[in-house]
Amino acid sequence: MAEKKVGIIVILSSPSGAGKTTLVKKIANRNKYIISISHTTRKPRSNEKNGRDYFFITNKEFKDLIKKKKFLEYAKVFKNYYGSLRQTVIDNLKKGENIIFDIDWQGTKQIKSRKLKYKIITIFILPPSKKELFNRLLKRDQKDKKIADDRMKQFKTDILHWKEYDFAVINDKIEICYEQILNYIKKQKKSTKKITYNKNIIKNHIKSLID
């Protein structure tokens, strides 16, 4: 009798604007991963649709879900809540589906603490420079400088969490970054131990970002 296939969890995190959402969609579309669609209390951007990008709900609805312990992970980021429903994720994993998350370091920490029986691969995305990150944030938020400034203030805190992840990569050119992530995932899926990589490159890059 063939062994029943179970899915894996892949988590991508990054400072706001470093490109994790684009990479998550690219990985999902090309490799048949299911994106875990978060619930959030923030307002949708002009290009976002309910049920495709996020499930947009009220603060009251979100807090009710917290009380009922429905979330696998949740966090408050820039005054808004984000969270992933536990049952939806587990049901898909049981069916053998691979799930990919677009969440921050707080949510990643919670998922890792759950001691799930499924393999978890965590990846941290870094921007090529502070200047490029700021430009991306301005472009994404319709050139709202205040929003971009607020996210840049959080940036130095967020990037220090890269050490908590299995793999960190610099997103300079999207296709190269995508290939690096995919290669790491493929290697890690086959291994029972954590695959090592050259962290000195990342350490030096982090220094350049926070100086």
N, C-alpha and C. Protein backbone atom coordinates (compact mmCIF):
# COMPACT_ATOMS: atom_id res chain seq x y z
N MET A 1 0.84 -1.20 0.00
CA MET A 1 0.00 0.00 0.00
C MET A 1 0.88 1.26 0.00
N ALA A 2 0.60 2.20 -0.89
CA ALA A 2 1.40 3.41 -0.99
C ALA A 2 1.23 4.28 0.25
N GLU A 3 2.35 4.89 0.67
CA GLU A 3 2.31 5.77 1.83
C GLU A 3 1.52 7.03 1.49
N LYS A 4 0.65 7.44 2.41
CA LYS A 4 -0.17 8.62 2.17
C LYS A 4 0.71 9.88 2.16
N LYS A 5 0.54 10.69 1.15
CA LYS A 5 1.31 11.91 1.02
C LYS A 5 0.74 13.00 1.93
N VAL A 6 1.64 13.70 2.61
CA VAL A 6 1.21 14.84 3.43
C VAL A 6 1.93 16.08 2.92
N GLY A 7 1.30 17.21 3.12
CA GLY A 7 1.87 18.45 2.62
C GLY A 7 2.93 19.03 3.54
N ILE A 8 3.59 20.06 3.05
CA ILE A 8 4.58 20.79 3.85
C ILE A 8 4.15 22.25 3.96
N ILE A 9 4.75 22.93 4.91
CA ILE A 9 4.52 24.36 5.11
C ILE A 9 5.77 25.12 4.70
N VAL A 10 5.60 26.11 3.84
CA VAL A 10 6.69 27.02 3.48
C VAL A 10 6.27 28.42 3.90
N ILE A 11 7.13 29.10 4.63
CA ILE A 11 6.83 30.45 5.12
C ILE A 11 7.83 31.44 4.55
N LEU A 12 7.31 32.51 3.94
CA LEU A 12 8.14 33.61 3.48
C LEU A 12 7.82 34.84 4.32
N SER A 13 8.88 35.44 4.87
CA SER A 13 8.72 36.68 5.64
C SER A 13 9.72 37.70 5.13
N SER A 14 9.44 38.97 5.41
CA SER A 14 10.36 40.04 5.01
C SER A 14 9.91 41.34 5.65
N PRO A 15 10.78 42.35 5.65
CA PRO A 15 10.30 43.69 5.99
C PRO A 15 9.26 44.10 4.96
N SER A 16 8.34 44.95 5.35
CA SER A 16 7.31 45.42 4.43
C SER A 16 7.95 46.04 3.19
N GLY A 17 7.54 45.56 2.01
CA GLY A 17 8.03 46.11 0.75
C GLY A 17 9.20 45.39 0.13
N ALA A 18 9.68 44.31 0.76
CA ALA A 18 10.86 43.60 0.24
C ALA A 18 10.52 42.59 -0.86
N GLY A 19 9.22 42.34 -1.08
CA GLY A 19 8.83 41.51 -2.21
C GLY A 19 8.31 40.12 -1.90
N LYS A 20 8.00 39.83 -0.63
CA LYS A 20 7.58 38.47 -0.31
C LYS A 20 6.25 38.08 -0.94
N THR A 21 5.31 39.02 -1.06
CA THR A 21 4.00 38.70 -1.63
C THR A 21 4.13 38.31 -3.11
N THR A 22 4.95 39.04 -3.84
CA THR A 22 5.19 38.71 -5.25
C THR A 22 5.83 37.34 -5.38
N LEU A 23 6.79 37.04 -4.51
CA LEU A 23 7.48 35.75 -4.56
C LEU A 23 6.55 34.61 -4.16
N VAL A 24 5.72 34.83 -3.16
CA VAL A 24 4.75 33.81 -2.74
C VAL A 24 3.83 33.44 -3.90
N LYS A 25 3.32 34.44 -4.60
CA LYS A 25 2.42 34.19 -5.74
C LYS A 25 3.14 33.45 -6.87
N LYS A 26 4.38 33.82 -7.11
CA LYS A 26 5.16 33.19 -8.17
C LYS A 26 5.43 31.71 -7.84
N ILE A 27 5.80 31.44 -6.60
CA ILE A 27 6.06 30.06 -6.17
C ILE A 27 4.78 29.24 -6.24
N ALA A 28 3.67 29.81 -5.77
CA ALA A 28 2.39 29.10 -5.78
C ALA A 28 1.93 28.78 -7.20
N ASN A 29 1.99 29.76 -8.07
CA ASN A 29 1.50 29.59 -9.44
C ASN A 29 2.31 28.59 -10.24
N ARG A 30 3.63 28.57 -10.02
CA ARG A 30 4.50 27.71 -10.82
C ARG A 30 4.70 26.31 -10.24
N ASN A 31 4.34 26.13 -8.97
CA ASN A 31 4.63 24.86 -8.30
C ASN A 31 3.44 24.24 -7.59
N LYS A 32 2.25 24.75 -7.87
CA LYS A 32 1.01 24.20 -7.31
C LYS A 32 0.97 24.20 -5.78
N TYR A 33 1.47 25.28 -5.21
CA TYR A 33 1.31 25.48 -3.77
C TYR A 33 0.00 26.23 -3.53
N ILE A 34 -0.61 25.96 -2.40
CA ILE A 34 -1.80 26.71 -2.01
C ILE A 34 -1.36 27.86 -1.10
N ILE A 35 -1.76 29.07 -1.45
CA ILE A 35 -1.44 30.22 -0.60
C ILE A 35 -2.41 30.29 0.56
N SER A 36 -1.87 30.38 1.75
CA SER A 36 -2.72 30.58 2.93
C SER A 36 -3.18 32.04 2.93
N ILE A 37 -4.45 32.25 2.69
CA ILE A 37 -4.99 33.61 2.62
C ILE A 37 -5.36 34.08 4.03
N SER A 38 -4.69 35.12 4.46
CA SER A 38 -4.90 35.63 5.82
C SER A 38 -6.18 36.45 5.94
N HIS A 39 -6.70 36.46 7.15
CA HIS A 39 -7.75 37.41 7.51
C HIS A 39 -7.06 38.67 8.01
N THR A 40 -7.59 39.83 7.70
CA THR A 40 -6.99 41.06 8.17
C THR A 40 -8.05 42.14 8.43
N THR A 41 -7.68 43.05 9.33
CA THR A 41 -8.58 44.17 9.64
C THR A 41 -8.19 45.42 8.85
N ARG A 42 -7.11 45.35 8.08
CA ARG A 42 -6.74 46.55 7.32
C ARG A 42 -7.63 46.71 6.09
N LYS A 43 -7.68 47.94 5.59
CA LYS A 43 -8.50 48.24 4.42
C LYS A 43 -7.80 47.71 3.16
N PRO A 44 -8.55 47.22 2.19
CA PRO A 44 -7.93 46.72 0.96
C PRO A 44 -7.31 47.84 0.13
N ARG A 45 -6.18 47.53 -0.51
CA ARG A 45 -5.61 48.47 -1.47
C ARG A 45 -6.42 48.39 -2.76
N SER A 46 -6.18 49.34 -3.66
CA SER A 46 -7.00 49.45 -4.87
C SER A 46 -6.94 48.21 -5.76
N ASN A 47 -5.82 47.47 -5.71
CA ASN A 47 -5.67 46.30 -6.57
C ASN A 47 -6.00 44.98 -5.87
N GLU A 48 -6.52 45.04 -4.66
CA GLU A 48 -6.78 43.84 -3.87
C GLU A 48 -8.26 43.45 -3.88
N LYS A 49 -8.48 42.12 -3.83
CA LYS A 49 -9.85 41.61 -3.81
C LYS A 49 -10.05 40.71 -2.59
N ASN A 50 -11.23 40.83 -1.99
CA ASN A 50 -11.59 40.01 -0.85
C ASN A 50 -11.66 38.54 -1.27
N GLY A 51 -10.97 37.68 -0.50
CA GLY A 51 -10.98 36.26 -0.80
C GLY A 51 -9.86 35.82 -1.73
N ARG A 52 -9.24 36.77 -2.41
CA ARG A 52 -8.11 36.44 -3.28
C ARG A 52 -6.79 36.86 -2.62
N ASP A 53 -6.74 38.09 -2.13
CA ASP A 53 -5.53 38.60 -1.49
C ASP A 53 -5.59 38.45 0.03
N TYR A 54 -6.72 38.80 0.59
CA TYR A 54 -6.99 38.66 2.02
C TYR A 54 -8.49 38.46 2.20
N PHE A 55 -8.86 38.04 3.41
CA PHE A 55 -10.25 38.12 3.83
C PHE A 55 -10.34 39.36 4.72
N PHE A 56 -10.98 40.38 4.23
CA PHE A 56 -11.06 41.66 4.96
C PHE A 56 -12.24 41.64 5.92
N ILE A 57 -11.93 41.74 7.21
CA ILE A 57 -12.98 41.67 8.23
C ILE A 57 -12.80 42.82 9.23
N THR A 58 -13.80 42.99 10.11
CA THR A 58 -13.75 44.06 11.10
C THR A 58 -12.91 43.64 12.31
N ASN A 59 -12.56 44.63 13.13
CA ASN A 59 -11.84 44.35 14.37
C ASN A 59 -12.63 43.41 15.27
N LYS A 60 -13.93 43.63 15.35
CA LYS A 60 -14.78 42.78 16.19
C LYS A 60 -14.78 41.33 15.70
N GLU A 61 -14.91 41.17 14.39
CA GLU A 61 -14.90 39.81 13.83
C GLU A 61 -13.56 39.11 14.09
N PHE A 62 -12.48 39.86 13.96
CA PHE A 62 -11.16 39.27 14.19
C PHE A 62 -11.00 38.85 15.65
N LYS A 63 -11.41 39.74 16.56
CA LYS A 63 -11.27 39.43 17.98
C LYS A 63 -12.16 38.26 18.41
N ASP A 64 -13.29 38.11 17.75
CA ASP A 64 -14.15 36.95 18.02
C ASP A 64 -13.44 35.66 17.62
N LEU A 65 -12.73 35.69 16.49
CA LEU A 65 -11.98 34.52 16.04
C LEU A 65 -10.82 34.20 16.99
N ILE A 66 -10.22 35.23 17.55
CA ILE A 66 -9.15 35.02 18.54
C ILE A 66 -9.73 34.32 19.78
N LYS A 67 -10.87 34.82 20.26
CA LYS A 67 -11.51 34.24 21.45
C LYS A 67 -11.87 32.77 21.25
N LYS A 68 -12.28 32.45 20.02
CA LYS A 68 -12.66 31.08 19.69
C LYS A 68 -11.46 30.20 19.34
N LYS A 69 -10.24 30.78 19.41
CA LYS A 69 -8.99 30.07 19.14
C LYS A 69 -8.97 29.43 17.75
N LYS A 70 -9.43 30.20 16.78
CA LYS A 70 -9.51 29.71 15.41
C LYS A 70 -8.21 29.89 14.61
N PHE A 71 -7.30 30.72 15.13
CA PHE A 71 -6.10 31.04 14.36
C PHE A 71 -4.94 30.10 14.65
N LEU A 72 -4.25 29.72 13.59
CA LEU A 72 -2.98 29.00 13.72
C LEU A 72 -1.91 30.01 14.15
N GLU A 73 -2.01 31.21 13.62
CA GLU A 73 -1.14 32.32 14.00
C GLU A 73 -1.87 33.62 13.73
N TYR A 74 -1.52 34.64 14.51
CA TYR A 74 -2.03 35.99 14.22
C TYR A 74 -1.09 37.01 14.84
N ALA A 75 -1.11 38.21 14.29
CA ALA A 75 -0.24 39.27 14.81
C ALA A 75 -0.85 40.63 14.49
N LYS A 76 -0.42 41.62 15.25
CA LYS A 76 -0.80 43.00 14.96
C LYS A 76 0.39 43.68 14.32
N VAL A 77 0.20 44.17 13.10
CA VAL A 77 1.28 44.80 12.33
C VAL A 77 0.79 46.15 11.81
N PHE A 78 1.51 47.23 12.14
CA PHE A 78 1.12 48.57 11.73
C PHE A 78 -0.36 48.86 12.04
N LYS A 79 -0.75 48.56 13.28
CA LYS A 79 -2.08 48.86 13.83
C LYS A 79 -3.21 48.01 13.25
N ASN A 80 -2.88 47.01 12.44
CA ASN A 80 -3.91 46.11 11.90
C ASN A 80 -3.58 44.67 12.25
N TYR A 81 -4.63 43.86 12.40
CA TYR A 81 -4.46 42.43 12.70
C TYR A 81 -4.39 41.61 11.41
N TYR A 82 -3.57 40.55 11.46
CA TYR A 82 -3.47 39.57 10.38
C TYR A 82 -3.46 38.19 11.01
N GLY A 83 -4.14 37.22 10.40
CA GLY A 83 -4.15 35.88 10.98
C GLY A 83 -4.54 34.80 9.99
N SER A 84 -4.04 33.57 10.23
CA SER A 84 -4.32 32.42 9.37
C SER A 84 -5.18 31.42 10.13
N LEU A 85 -6.29 31.00 9.53
CA LEU A 85 -7.18 30.05 10.19
C LEU A 85 -6.56 28.66 10.25
N ARG A 86 -6.56 28.09 11.44
CA ARG A 86 -5.91 26.80 11.67
C ARG A 86 -6.55 25.66 10.86
N GLN A 87 -7.88 25.54 10.92
CA GLN A 87 -8.55 24.40 10.32
C GLN A 87 -8.34 24.33 8.81
N THR A 88 -8.39 25.48 8.15
CA THR A 88 -8.19 25.52 6.70
C THR A 88 -6.81 25.00 6.32
N VAL A 89 -5.80 25.42 7.07
CA VAL A 89 -4.42 25.00 6.81
C VAL A 89 -4.27 23.50 7.03
N ILE A 90 -4.73 23.02 8.17
CA ILE A 90 -4.56 21.60 8.52
C ILE A 90 -5.31 20.70 7.54
N ASP A 91 -6.51 21.09 7.14
CA ASP A 91 -7.29 20.29 6.19
C ASP A 91 -6.54 20.12 4.87
N ASN A 92 -5.93 21.20 4.38
CA ASN A 92 -5.18 21.13 3.13
C ASN A 92 -3.92 20.28 3.27
N LEU A 93 -3.23 20.40 4.39
CA LEU A 93 -2.03 19.61 4.62
C LEU A 93 -2.36 18.11 4.66
N LYS A 94 -3.48 17.78 5.29
CA LYS A 94 -3.90 16.38 5.37
C LYS A 94 -4.20 15.79 4.00
N LYS A 95 -4.62 16.64 3.07
CA LYS A 95 -4.93 16.21 1.69
C LYS A 95 -3.66 16.09 0.84
N GLY A 96 -2.52 16.43 1.44
CA GLY A 96 -1.27 16.34 0.71
C GLY A 96 -0.88 17.61 -0.01
N GLU A 97 -1.61 18.70 0.25
CA GLU A 97 -1.30 19.98 -0.40
C GLU A 97 -0.16 20.69 0.32
N ASN A 98 0.71 21.33 -0.44
CA ASN A 98 1.76 22.16 0.14
C ASN A 98 1.22 23.58 0.32
N ILE A 99 1.43 24.15 1.51
CA ILE A 99 0.88 25.46 1.84
C ILE A 99 2.01 26.48 1.96
N ILE A 100 1.83 27.63 1.35
CA ILE A 100 2.83 28.69 1.45
C ILE A 100 2.21 29.92 2.13
N PHE A 101 2.96 30.47 3.08
CA PHE A 101 2.50 31.60 3.89
C PHE A 101 3.25 32.87 3.56
N ASP A 102 2.53 33.96 3.57
CA ASP A 102 3.09 35.31 3.42
C ASP A 102 2.80 36.03 4.73
N ILE A 103 3.70 35.84 5.72
CA ILE A 103 3.45 36.37 7.07
C ILE A 103 4.74 36.96 7.65
N ASP A 104 4.62 37.68 8.76
CA ASP A 104 5.80 38.30 9.36
C ASP A 104 6.43 37.37 10.39
N TRP A 105 7.49 37.84 11.03
CA TRP A 105 8.25 37.01 11.97
C TRP A 105 7.43 36.59 13.19
N GLN A 106 6.44 37.43 13.57
CA GLN A 106 5.61 37.08 14.73
C GLN A 106 4.77 35.83 14.45
N GLY A 107 4.14 35.81 13.26
CA GLY A 107 3.34 34.66 12.87
C GLY A 107 4.19 33.41 12.68
N THR A 108 5.39 33.59 12.12
CA THR A 108 6.30 32.46 11.91
C THR A 108 6.67 31.82 13.25
N LYS A 109 6.97 32.66 14.21
CA LYS A 109 7.34 32.16 15.54
C LYS A 109 6.20 31.34 16.16
N GLN A 110 4.98 31.82 15.97
CA GLN A 110 3.82 31.10 16.53
C GLN A 110 3.64 29.74 15.86
N ILE A 111 3.75 29.70 14.53
CA ILE A 111 3.57 28.43 13.83
C ILE A 111 4.64 27.42 14.25
N LYS A 112 5.88 27.87 14.36
CA LYS A 112 6.97 26.98 14.78
C LYS A 112 6.74 26.45 16.19
N SER A 113 6.10 27.26 17.04
CA SER A 113 5.87 26.85 18.43
C SER A 113 4.73 25.85 18.58
N ARG A 114 3.94 25.68 17.51
CA ARG A 114 2.79 24.77 17.57
C ARG A 114 3.18 23.30 17.58
N LYS A 115 4.43 23.00 17.24
CA LYS A 115 4.92 21.61 17.20
C LYS A 115 4.06 20.76 16.27
N LEU A 116 3.77 21.28 15.08
CA LEU A 116 2.98 20.54 14.12
C LEU A 116 3.76 19.35 13.58
N LYS A 117 3.07 18.34 13.11
CA LYS A 117 3.73 17.13 12.60
C LYS A 117 4.17 17.27 11.15
N TYR A 118 3.97 18.45 10.59
CA TYR A 118 4.31 18.69 9.20
C TYR A 118 5.65 19.43 9.08
N LYS A 119 6.37 19.17 8.00
CA LYS A 119 7.65 19.85 7.77
C LYS A 119 7.39 21.34 7.52
N ILE A 120 8.22 22.17 8.16
CA ILE A 120 8.11 23.63 8.02
C ILE A 120 9.44 24.17 7.50
N ILE A 121 9.39 24.91 6.41
CA ILE A 121 10.58 25.54 5.83
C ILE A 121 10.37 27.05 5.88
N THR A 122 11.28 27.76 6.55
CA THR A 122 11.11 29.20 6.73
C THR A 122 12.19 29.98 5.96
N ILE A 123 11.76 31.03 5.26
CA ILE A 123 12.66 31.81 4.40
C ILE A 123 12.44 33.29 4.64
N PHE A 124 13.54 34.02 4.78
CA PHE A 124 13.47 35.46 5.03
C PHE A 124 14.00 36.21 3.82
N ILE A 125 13.22 37.20 3.34
CA ILE A 125 13.57 37.97 2.15
C ILE A 125 14.10 39.34 2.56
N LEU A 126 15.23 39.72 1.98
CA LEU A 126 15.83 41.03 2.26
C LEU A 126 15.84 41.90 1.00
N PRO A 127 15.66 43.21 1.15
CA PRO A 127 15.74 44.11 -0.01
C PRO A 127 17.20 44.34 -0.40
N PRO A 128 17.47 44.76 -1.64
CA PRO A 128 18.85 45.01 -2.05
C PRO A 128 19.48 46.23 -1.38
N SER A 129 18.64 47.20 -0.99
CA SER A 129 19.13 48.41 -0.33
C SER A 129 17.97 49.14 0.34
N LYS A 130 18.30 50.04 1.25
CA LYS A 130 17.25 50.85 1.91
C LYS A 130 16.57 51.77 0.89
N LYS A 131 17.35 52.31 -0.01
CA LYS A 131 16.79 53.21 -1.02
C LYS A 131 15.77 52.50 -1.90
N GLU A 132 16.13 51.28 -2.34
CA GLU A 132 15.21 50.53 -3.20
C GLU A 132 13.95 50.15 -2.43
N LEU A 133 14.11 49.79 -1.16
CA LEU A 133 12.95 49.45 -0.33
C LEU A 133 12.01 50.64 -0.22
N PHE A 134 12.55 51.81 0.06
CA PHE A 134 11.74 53.02 0.18
C PHE A 134 10.99 53.31 -1.12
N ASN A 135 11.68 53.16 -2.25
CA ASN A 135 11.05 53.37 -3.56
C ASN A 135 9.90 52.39 -3.79
N ARG A 136 10.10 51.14 -3.40
CA ARG A 136 9.05 50.13 -3.55
C ARG A 136 7.84 50.47 -2.68
N LEU A 137 8.11 50.93 -1.47
CA LEU A 137 7.01 51.29 -0.56
C LEU A 137 6.22 52.48 -1.09
N LEU A 138 6.91 53.46 -1.63
CA LEU A 138 6.23 54.62 -2.21
C LEU A 138 5.36 54.22 -3.38
N LYS A 139 5.88 53.34 -4.22
CA LYS A 139 5.14 52.88 -5.39
C LYS A 139 3.91 52.07 -4.98
N ARG A 140 4.07 51.22 -3.98
CA ARG A 140 2.98 50.35 -3.56
C ARG A 140 1.85 51.10 -2.89
N ASP A 141 2.20 52.08 -2.08
CA ASP A 141 1.18 52.82 -1.32
C ASP A 141 0.82 54.16 -1.96
N GLN A 142 0.78 54.15 -3.29
CA GLN A 142 0.36 55.33 -4.05
C GLN A 142 1.10 56.60 -3.63
N LYS A 143 2.41 56.45 -3.49
CA LYS A 143 3.29 57.58 -3.20
C LYS A 143 2.93 58.31 -1.90
N ASP A 144 2.42 57.53 -0.92
CA ASP A 144 2.13 58.11 0.39
C ASP A 144 3.42 58.05 1.22
N LYS A 145 4.10 59.18 1.34
CA LYS A 145 5.40 59.21 2.02
C LYS A 145 5.29 58.87 3.50
N LYS A 146 4.20 59.26 4.16
CA LYS A 146 4.06 58.97 5.59
C LYS A 146 4.00 57.46 5.84
N ILE A 147 3.23 56.74 5.02
CA ILE A 147 3.14 55.28 5.17
C ILE A 147 4.51 54.66 4.95
N ALA A 148 5.21 55.12 3.91
CA ALA A 148 6.55 54.59 3.61
C ALA A 148 7.50 54.88 4.77
N ASP A 149 7.44 56.09 5.32
CA ASP A 149 8.30 56.46 6.45
C ASP A 149 8.03 55.58 7.67
N ASP A 150 6.76 55.32 7.95
CA ASP A 150 6.38 54.48 9.09
C ASP A 150 6.94 53.06 8.94
N ARG A 151 6.88 52.54 7.73
CA ARG A 151 7.39 51.19 7.49
C ARG A 151 8.91 51.14 7.55
N MET A 152 9.56 52.20 7.13
CA MET A 152 11.02 52.26 7.22
C MET A 152 11.49 52.31 8.67
N LYS A 153 10.71 52.93 9.55
CA LYS A 153 11.05 52.97 10.97
C LYS A 153 11.04 51.56 11.57
N GLN A 154 10.10 50.73 11.10
CA GLN A 154 9.97 49.36 11.59
C GLN A 154 11.02 48.44 10.97
N PHE A 155 11.57 48.86 9.85
CA PHE A 155 12.47 48.06 9.04
C PHE A 155 13.65 47.48 9.83
N LYS A 156 14.34 48.33 10.61
CA LYS A 156 15.54 47.89 11.33
C LYS A 156 15.22 46.80 12.35
N THR A 157 14.05 46.89 12.96
CA THR A 157 13.64 45.86 13.91
C THR A 157 13.33 44.55 13.20
N ASP A 158 12.60 44.64 12.10
CA ASP A 158 12.17 43.44 11.38
C ASP A 158 13.34 42.63 10.82
N ILE A 159 14.33 43.30 10.22
CA ILE A 159 15.38 42.54 9.55
C ILE A 159 16.26 41.75 10.50
N LEU A 160 16.30 42.14 11.77
CA LEU A 160 17.13 41.42 12.74
C LEU A 160 16.61 40.01 13.03
N HIS A 161 15.39 39.72 12.59
CA HIS A 161 14.81 38.40 12.82
C HIS A 161 15.22 37.37 11.76
N TRP A 162 16.05 37.77 10.81
CA TRP A 162 16.46 36.85 9.75
C TRP A 162 17.15 35.60 10.32
N LYS A 163 17.81 35.75 11.45
CA LYS A 163 18.55 34.63 12.06
C LYS A 163 17.63 33.49 12.50
N GLU A 164 16.34 33.80 12.69
CA GLU A 164 15.39 32.79 13.17
C GLU A 164 14.88 31.89 12.03
N TYR A 165 15.31 32.18 10.80
CA TYR A 165 14.80 31.47 9.63
C TYR A 165 15.82 30.46 9.09
N ASP A 166 15.30 29.46 8.38
CA ASP A 166 16.17 28.42 7.81
C ASP A 166 17.08 28.98 6.72
N PHE A 167 16.56 29.97 5.98
CA PHE A 167 17.28 30.48 4.82
C PHE A 167 16.95 31.96 4.65
N ALA A 168 17.96 32.75 4.28
CA ALA A 168 17.73 34.17 3.99
C ALA A 168 18.31 34.47 2.61
N VAL A 169 17.62 35.36 1.88
CA VAL A 169 18.02 35.65 0.50
C VAL A 169 17.75 37.12 0.19
N ILE A 170 18.59 37.69 -0.69
CA ILE A 170 18.44 39.10 -1.07
C ILE A 170 17.63 39.18 -2.36
N ASN A 171 16.55 39.93 -2.33
CA ASN A 171 15.68 40.07 -3.49
C ASN A 171 16.07 41.30 -4.31
N ASP A 172 17.10 41.12 -5.14
CA ASP A 172 17.53 42.19 -6.04
C ASP A 172 16.81 42.03 -7.38
N LYS A 173 16.99 40.87 -8.00
CA LYS A 173 16.27 40.54 -9.23
C LYS A 173 15.31 39.40 -8.91
N ILE A 174 14.03 39.61 -9.18
CA ILE A 174 12.98 38.70 -8.73
C ILE A 174 13.15 37.26 -9.21
N GLU A 175 13.55 37.07 -10.47
CA GLU A 175 13.68 35.71 -11.01
C GLU A 175 14.84 34.96 -10.37
N ILE A 176 15.95 35.66 -10.13
CA ILE A 176 17.10 35.03 -9.47
C ILE A 176 16.74 34.66 -8.04
N CYS A 177 16.07 35.56 -7.36
CA CYS A 177 15.63 35.30 -5.98
C CYS A 177 14.69 34.11 -5.93
N TYR A 178 13.75 34.07 -6.87
CA TYR A 178 12.80 32.96 -6.97
C TYR A 178 13.53 31.62 -7.12
N GLU A 179 14.52 31.57 -8.01
CA GLU A 179 15.27 30.33 -8.25
C GLU A 179 16.04 29.90 -7.01
N GLN A 180 16.62 30.87 -6.31
CA GLN A 180 17.37 30.55 -5.09
C GLN A 180 16.45 29.95 -4.02
N ILE A 181 15.26 30.53 -3.89
CA ILE A 181 14.29 30.03 -2.91
C ILE A 181 13.83 28.62 -3.28
N LEU A 182 13.50 28.45 -4.56
CA LEU A 182 13.00 27.15 -5.01
C LEU A 182 14.05 26.06 -4.84
N ASN A 183 15.30 26.37 -5.16
CA ASN A 183 16.37 25.39 -4.99
C ASN A 183 16.54 24.99 -3.53
N TYR A 184 16.42 25.98 -2.64
CA TYR A 184 16.54 25.68 -1.22
C TYR A 184 15.38 24.79 -0.75
N ILE A 185 14.18 25.12 -1.18
CA ILE A 185 13.01 24.33 -0.79
C ILE A 185 13.16 22.88 -1.25
N LYS A 186 13.59 22.70 -2.48
CA LYS A 186 13.75 21.34 -3.04
C LYS A 186 14.77 20.53 -2.24
N LYS A 187 15.88 21.16 -1.88
CA LYS A 187 16.90 20.47 -1.08
C LYS A 187 16.38 20.14 0.31
N GLN A 188 15.70 21.12 0.92
CA GLN A 188 15.22 20.93 2.28
C GLN A 188 14.12 19.89 2.38
N LYS A 189 13.29 19.80 1.34
CA LYS A 189 12.21 18.80 1.34
C LYS A 189 12.76 17.39 1.42
N LYS A 190 13.93 17.18 0.82
CA LYS A 190 14.53 15.83 0.77
C LYS A 190 15.38 15.51 1.99
N SER A 191 15.68 16.52 2.80
CA SER A 191 16.61 16.34 3.92
C SER A 191 15.90 16.27 5.26
N THR A 192 16.48 15.49 6.16
CA THR A 192 15.96 15.41 7.53
C THR A 192 16.66 16.43 8.44
N LYS A 193 17.75 17.03 7.92
CA LYS A 193 18.49 18.05 8.67
C LYS A 193 18.35 19.40 7.97
N LYS A 194 18.61 20.47 8.71
CA LYS A 194 18.55 21.80 8.13
C LYS A 194 19.71 22.00 7.16
N ILE A 195 19.40 22.40 5.94
CA ILE A 195 20.42 22.67 4.93
C ILE A 195 21.13 23.98 5.27
N THR A 196 22.45 23.94 5.30
CA THR A 196 23.22 25.15 5.62
C THR A 196 23.50 25.97 4.36
N TYR A 197 23.84 27.24 4.56
CA TYR A 197 24.18 28.12 3.44
C TYR A 197 25.15 29.18 3.95
N ASN A 198 25.71 29.98 3.06
CA ASN A 198 26.70 30.99 3.43
C ASN A 198 26.03 32.20 4.09
N LYS A 199 26.07 32.23 5.40
CA LYS A 199 25.40 33.32 6.14
C LYS A 199 26.25 34.59 6.18
N ASN A 200 27.53 34.49 5.85
CA ASN A 200 28.39 35.68 5.89
C ASN A 200 27.92 36.73 4.90
N ILE A 201 27.45 36.28 3.74
CA ILE A 201 26.93 37.22 2.73
C ILE A 201 25.75 38.00 3.30
N ILE A 202 24.87 37.29 4.00
CA ILE A 202 23.68 37.91 4.59
C ILE A 202 24.09 38.85 5.73
N LYS A 203 25.02 38.41 6.56
CA LYS A 203 25.47 39.25 7.68
C LYS A 203 26.04 40.57 7.18
N ASN A 204 26.87 40.50 6.15
CA ASN A 204 27.46 41.72 5.58
C ASN A 204 26.39 42.62 4.96
N HIS A 205 25.40 41.99 4.34
CA HIS A 205 24.32 42.78 3.73
C HIS A 205 23.47 43.46 4.81
N ILE A 206 23.22 42.75 5.89
CA ILE A 206 22.46 43.33 7.00
C ILE A 206 23.17 44.58 7.54
N LYS A 207 24.49 44.49 7.67
CA LYS A 207 25.27 45.64 8.15
C LYS A 207 25.07 46.85 7.25
N SER A 208 25.08 46.59 5.95
CA SER A 208 24.91 47.70 4.99
C SER A 208 23.50 48.30 5.06
N LEU A 209 22.53 47.50 5.46
CA LEU A 209 21.15 47.97 5.54
C LEU A 209 20.87 48.80 6.79
N ILE A 210 21.57 48.49 7.88
CA ILE A 210 21.26 49.17 9.15
C ILE A 210 22.25 50.29 9.47
N ASP A 211 23.35 50.39 8.73
CA ASP A 211 24.32 51.47 8.96
C ASP A 211 23.73 52.82 8.55
